[in-house]
Amino acid sequence: MHSAALLVWLSICAIQDARQRHIANSLTVGVGLVALIWMLWTGHTWLGATAAQGGWALLLALLLTLPGYALGQMGAGDVKLMATIGLASDPVHLLGCFIGAGLASVLWRLLGLRVWSSMSQGLRARVAWMAPGLSKKTPFAPFVLAGLILTLAWIH
């Protein structure tokens, strides 16, 4: 059940990132605080891992994202997004999100132009920041969503 809440939340983040190339703090920090409070209150994360695993996942998320942020390759919203996923899950799900996001990103770079050209103009206008070749920095959250979907399908 909680994996559905995580999917809905990440879908909202992905849509906002694809449309505006920005994720609101209310979505990242707000949900991160809810996940932290849940973890401290119940002793486990949304996905049922122990609080210690959630803490390790948070630390791992920061270790994996802060260098990219410092080098200008990731935005602050991406760091907060991954930190929230860490608080809500565990290291295995977090790494699955990263690996799946990497695979989805490579697929988009390889096939994105073909997919983009077959999309309707209305859809392309709604997710304009996802346009292949528009920028070297495409929105990260849609790829993280793909990574979470792949991870949940693989693990569950």
C-alpha atoms as a PDB file:
ATOM      1  CA  MET A   1       0.000   0.000   0.000  1.00  0.00           C
ATOM      2  CA  HIS A   2       2.735   2.464   0.902  1.00  0.00           C
ATOM      3  CA  SER A   3       4.551   1.734  -2.336  1.00  0.00           C
ATOM      4  CA  ALA A   4       1.449   3.090  -4.111  1.00  0.00           C
ATOM      5  CA  ALA A   5       1.715   6.332  -2.126  1.00  0.00           C
ATOM      6  CA  LEU A   6       5.402   6.561  -3.052  1.00  0.00           C
ATOM      7  CA  LEU A   7       4.552   6.008  -6.722  1.00  0.00           C
ATOM      8  CA  VAL A   8       1.812   8.650  -6.709  1.00  0.00           C
ATOM      9  CA  TRP A   9       4.079  11.183  -4.998  1.00  0.00           C
ATOM     10  CA  LEU A  10       6.985  10.491  -7.355  1.00  0.00           C
ATOM     11  CA  SER A  11       4.635  10.685 -10.357  1.00  0.00           C
ATOM     12  CA  ILE A  12       3.546  14.159  -9.268  1.00  0.00           C
ATOM     13  CA  CYS A  13       7.194  15.170  -8.847  1.00  0.00           C
ATOM     14  CA  ALA A  14       8.079  13.729 -12.275  1.00  0.00           C
ATOM     15  CA  ILE A  15       5.228  15.559 -13.993  1.00  0.00           C
ATOM     16  CA  GLN A  16       6.151  18.839 -12.355  1.00  0.00           C
ATOM     17  CA  ASP A  17       9.834  18.368 -13.226  1.00  0.00           C
ATOM     18  CA  ALA A  18       9.052  17.490 -16.859  1.00  0.00           C
ATOM     19  CA  ARG A  19       6.726  20.491 -17.216  1.00  0.00           C
ATOM     20  CA  GLN A  20       8.603  23.150 -15.246  1.00  0.00           C
ATOM     21  CA  ARG A  21      12.103  21.731 -14.707  1.00  0.00           C
ATOM     22  CA  HIS A  22      11.533  22.352 -11.030  1.00  0.00           C
ATOM     23  CA  ILE A  23      10.168  20.348  -8.117  1.00  0.00           C
ATOM     24  CA  ALA A  24       8.414  22.333  -5.400  1.00  0.00           C
ATOM     25  CA  ASN A  25       9.874  22.212  -1.897  1.00  0.00           C
ATOM     26  CA  SER A  26       6.413  21.323  -0.597  1.00  0.00           C
ATOM     27  CA  LEU A  27       6.697  18.069  -2.556  1.00  0.00           C
ATOM     28  CA  THR A  28      10.262  17.196  -1.608  1.00  0.00           C
ATOM     29  CA  VAL A  29      10.836  18.662   1.841  1.00  0.00           C
ATOM     30  CA  GLY A  30       7.186  18.291   2.867  1.00  0.00           C
ATOM     31  CA  VAL A  31       6.944  14.619   1.988  1.00  0.00           C
ATOM     32  CA  GLY A  32      10.454  14.068   3.326  1.00  0.00           C
ATOM     33  CA  LEU A  33       9.341  15.388   6.705  1.00  0.00           C
ATOM     34  CA  VAL A  34       6.260  13.162   6.616  1.00  0.00           C
ATOM     35  CA  ALA A  35       8.476  10.151   5.808  1.00  0.00           C
ATOM     36  CA  LEU A  36      10.874  11.089   8.621  1.00  0.00           C
ATOM     37  CA  ILE A  37       8.059  11.517  11.146  1.00  0.00           C
ATOM     38  CA  TRP A  38       6.523   8.211  10.013  1.00  0.00           C
ATOM     39  CA  MET A  39       9.889   6.484  10.389  1.00  0.00           C
ATOM     40  CA  LEU A  40      10.515   7.917  13.860  1.00  0.00           C
ATOM     41  CA  TRP A  41       6.953   7.205  15.011  1.00  0.00           C
ATOM     42  CA  THR A  42       6.628   3.633  13.720  1.00  0.00           C
ATOM     43  CA  GLY A  43      10.250   2.513  13.647  1.00  0.00           C
ATOM     44  CA  HIS A  44      10.135   1.627   9.973  1.00  0.00           C
ATOM     45  CA  THR A  45       9.958   3.291   6.569  1.00  0.00           C
ATOM     46  CA  TRP A  46       6.964   3.483   4.243  1.00  0.00           C
ATOM     47  CA  LEU A  47       8.174   0.374   2.467  1.00  0.00           C
ATOM     48  CA  GLY A  48       8.628  -1.532   5.724  1.00  0.00           C
ATOM     49  CA  ALA A  49      12.395  -1.331   6.195  1.00  0.00           C
ATOM     50  CA  THR A  50      13.835  -0.641   9.623  1.00  0.00           C
ATOM     51  CA  ALA A  51      14.522   2.937  10.656  1.00  0.00           C
ATOM     52  CA  ALA A  52      18.244   2.148  10.534  1.00  0.00           C
ATOM     53  CA  GLN A  53      17.918   1.062   6.890  1.00  0.00           C
ATOM     54  CA  GLY A  54      16.019   4.273   6.141  1.00  0.00           C
ATOM     55  CA  GLY A  55      18.804   6.272   7.762  1.00  0.00           C
ATOM     56  CA  TRP A  56      21.428   4.455   5.714  1.00  0.00           C
ATOM     57  CA  ALA A  57      19.381   5.035   2.568  1.00  0.00           C
ATOM     58  CA  LEU A  58      19.214   8.767   3.379  1.00  0.00           C
ATOM     59  CA  LEU A  59      22.988   8.880   3.862  1.00  0.00           C
ATOM     60  CA  LEU A  60      23.521   6.938   0.646  1.00  0.00           C
ATOM     61  CA  ALA A  61      21.209   9.305  -1.247  1.00  0.00           C
ATOM     62  CA  LEU A  62      23.218  12.275  -0.036  1.00  0.00           C
ATOM     63  CA  LEU A  63      26.530  10.597  -0.898  1.00  0.00           C
ATOM     64  CA  LEU A  64      25.297   9.863  -4.416  1.00  0.00           C
ATOM     65  CA  THR A  65      23.665  13.225  -5.142  1.00  0.00           C
ATOM     66  CA  LEU A  66      25.691  15.919  -3.390  1.00  0.00           C
ATOM     67  CA  PRO A  67      28.737  15.502  -5.676  1.00  0.00           C
ATOM     68  CA  GLY A  68      26.466  15.911  -8.716  1.00  0.00           C
ATOM     69  CA  TYR A  69      24.934  18.990  -7.134  1.00  0.00           C
ATOM     70  CA  ALA A  70      28.368  20.440  -6.352  1.00  0.00           C
ATOM     71  CA  LEU A  71      29.432  19.886  -9.976  1.00  0.00           C
ATOM     72  CA  GLY A  72      26.252  21.492 -11.314  1.00  0.00           C
ATOM     73  CA  GLN A  73      24.942  18.234 -12.803  1.00  0.00           C
ATOM     74  CA  MET A  74      21.978  17.904 -10.436  1.00  0.00           C
ATOM     75  CA  GLY A  75      19.591  20.424  -8.977  1.00  0.00           C
ATOM     76  CA  ALA A  76      18.774  20.885  -5.309  1.00  0.00           C
ATOM     77  CA  GLY A  77      15.314  19.445  -5.975  1.00  0.00           C
ATOM     78  CA  ASP A  78      16.910  16.239  -7.254  1.00  0.00           C
ATOM     79  CA  VAL A  79      18.969  15.927  -4.060  1.00  0.00           C
ATOM     80  CA  LYS A  80      15.874  16.471  -1.892  1.00  0.00           C
ATOM     81  CA  LEU A  81      13.878  14.032  -4.046  1.00  0.00           C
ATOM     82  CA  MET A  82      16.419  11.251  -3.586  1.00  0.00           C
ATOM     83  CA  ALA A  83      16.795  12.016   0.139  1.00  0.00           C
ATOM     84  CA  THR A  84      13.043  11.637   0.525  1.00  0.00           C
ATOM     85  CA  ILE A  85      13.096   8.332  -1.343  1.00  0.00           C
ATOM     86  CA  GLY A  86      15.834   7.207   1.032  1.00  0.00           C
ATOM     87  CA  LEU A  87      13.748   8.127   4.076  1.00  0.00           C
ATOM     88  CA  ALA A  88      10.723   6.340   2.639  1.00  0.00           C
ATOM     89  CA  SER A  89      12.450   3.153   1.539  1.00  0.00           C
ATOM     90  CA  ASP A  90      15.782   1.395   2.064  1.00  0.00           C
ATOM     91  CA  PRO A  91      19.213   1.201   0.385  1.00  0.00           C
ATOM     92  CA  VAL A  92      18.126  -1.509  -2.070  1.00  0.00           C
ATOM     93  CA  HIS A  93      15.153   0.495  -3.373  1.00  0.00           C
ATOM     94  CA  LEU A  94      17.221   3.681  -3.465  1.00  0.00           C
ATOM     95  CA  LEU A  95      19.994   2.035  -5.493  1.00  0.00           C
ATOM     96  CA  GLY A  96      17.347   0.463  -7.724  1.00  0.00           C
ATOM     97  CA  CYS A  97      15.942   3.943  -8.378  1.00  0.00           C
ATOM     98  CA  PHE A  98      19.403   5.227  -9.309  1.00  0.00           C
ATOM     99  CA  ILE A  99      20.236   2.286 -11.535  1.00  0.00           C
ATOM    100  CA  GLY A 100      16.809   2.340 -13.184  1.00  0.00           C
ATOM    101  CA  ALA A 101      17.056   6.118 -13.669  1.00  0.00           C
ATOM    102  CA  GLY A 102      20.425   5.624 -15.339  1.00  0.00           C
ATOM    103  CA  LEU A 103      19.034   2.948 -17.662  1.00  0.00           C
ATOM    104  CA  ALA A 104      15.971   5.048 -18.494  1.00  0.00           C
ATOM    105  CA  SER A 105      18.179   8.068 -19.151  1.00  0.00           C
ATOM    106  CA  VAL A 106      20.394   6.110 -21.549  1.00  0.00           C
ATOM    107  CA  LEU A 107      17.318   4.739 -23.335  1.00  0.00           C
ATOM    108  CA  TRP A 108      15.916   8.268 -23.640  1.00  0.00           C
ATOM    109  CA  ARG A 109      19.187   9.512 -25.128  1.00  0.00           C
ATOM    110  CA  LEU A 110      19.151   6.653 -27.636  1.00  0.00           C
ATOM    111  CA  LEU A 111      15.443   6.563 -28.502  1.00  0.00           C
ATOM    112  CA  GLY A 112      14.133   9.922 -27.335  1.00  0.00           C
ATOM    113  CA  LEU A 113      14.189  11.621 -30.728  1.00  0.00           C
ATOM    114  CA  ARG A 114      12.103   8.820 -32.262  1.00  0.00           C
ATOM    115  CA  VAL A 115       9.644   8.820 -29.369  1.00  0.00           C
ATOM    116  CA  TRP A 116       9.477  12.632 -29.301  1.00  0.00           C
ATOM    117  CA  SER A 117       8.669  12.868 -33.007  1.00  0.00           C
ATOM    118  CA  SER A 118       5.769  10.421 -32.648  1.00  0.00           C
ATOM    119  CA  MET A 119       4.227  12.233 -29.655  1.00  0.00           C
ATOM    120  CA  SER A 120       1.308  14.601 -30.147  1.00  0.00           C
ATOM    121  CA  GLN A 121       2.051  18.325 -30.148  1.00  0.00           C
ATOM    122  CA  GLY A 122      -0.086  18.809 -27.064  1.00  0.00           C
ATOM    123  CA  LEU A 123       1.875  16.265 -25.062  1.00  0.00           C
ATOM    124  CA  ARG A 124       5.185  17.662 -26.296  1.00  0.00           C
ATOM    125  CA  ALA A 125       4.098  21.127 -25.176  1.00  0.00           C
ATOM    126  CA  ARG A 126       3.208  19.805 -21.704  1.00  0.00           C
ATOM    127  CA  VAL A 127       6.581  18.144 -21.175  1.00  0.00           C
ATOM    128  CA  ALA A 128       8.724  20.556 -23.174  1.00  0.00           C
ATOM    129  CA  TRP A 129      11.754  20.213 -20.882  1.00  0.00           C
ATOM    130  CA  MET A 130      12.051  16.548 -21.870  1.00  0.00           C
ATOM    131  CA  ALA A 131      12.777  17.441 -25.507  1.00  0.00           C
ATOM    132  CA  PRO A 132      15.821  15.535 -26.761  1.00  0.00           C
ATOM    133  CA  GLY A 133      18.705  17.849 -27.472  1.00  0.00           C
ATOM    134  CA  LEU A 134      17.085  20.827 -25.730  1.00  0.00           C
ATOM    135  CA  SER A 135      19.611  20.747 -22.933  1.00  0.00           C
ATOM    136  CA  LYS A 136      22.263  18.483 -21.518  1.00  0.00           C
ATOM    137  CA  LYS A 137      20.379  18.674 -18.228  1.00  0.00           C
ATOM    138  CA  THR A 138      17.085  16.897 -18.734  1.00  0.00           C
ATOM    139  CA  PRO A 139      14.694  16.642 -15.782  1.00  0.00           C
ATOM    140  CA  PHE A 140      15.793  13.845 -13.455  1.00  0.00           C
ATOM    141  CA  ALA A 141      12.533  12.945 -11.674  1.00  0.00           C
ATOM    142  CA  PRO A 142      10.864  11.223 -14.678  1.00  0.00           C
ATOM    143  CA  PHE A 143      13.838   8.881 -14.923  1.00  0.00           C
ATOM    144  CA  VAL A 144      13.759   8.247 -11.168  1.00  0.00           C
ATOM    145  CA  LEU A 145      10.080   7.339 -11.518  1.00  0.00           C
ATOM    146  CA  ALA A 146      10.994   4.820 -14.215  1.00  0.00           C
ATOM    147  CA  GLY A 147      13.698   3.503 -11.888  1.00  0.00           C
ATOM    148  CA  LEU A 148      11.251   3.094  -9.014  1.00  0.00           C
ATOM    149  CA  ILE A 149       8.749   1.287 -11.235  1.00  0.00           C
ATOM    150  CA  LEU A 150      11.462  -1.087 -12.445  1.00  0.00           C
ATOM    151  CA  THR A 151      12.691  -1.621  -8.879  1.00  0.00           C
ATOM    152  CA  LEU A 152       9.237  -2.361  -7.488  1.00  0.00           C
ATOM    153  CA  ALA A 153       8.547  -4.752 -10.371  1.00  0.00           C
ATOM    154  CA  TRP A 154      11.889  -6.482  -9.814  1.00  0.00           C
ATOM    155  CA  ILE A 155      11.716  -6.767  -6.011  1.00  0.00           C
ATOM    156  CA  HIS A 156       8.010  -7.375  -5.432  1.00  0.00           C
END
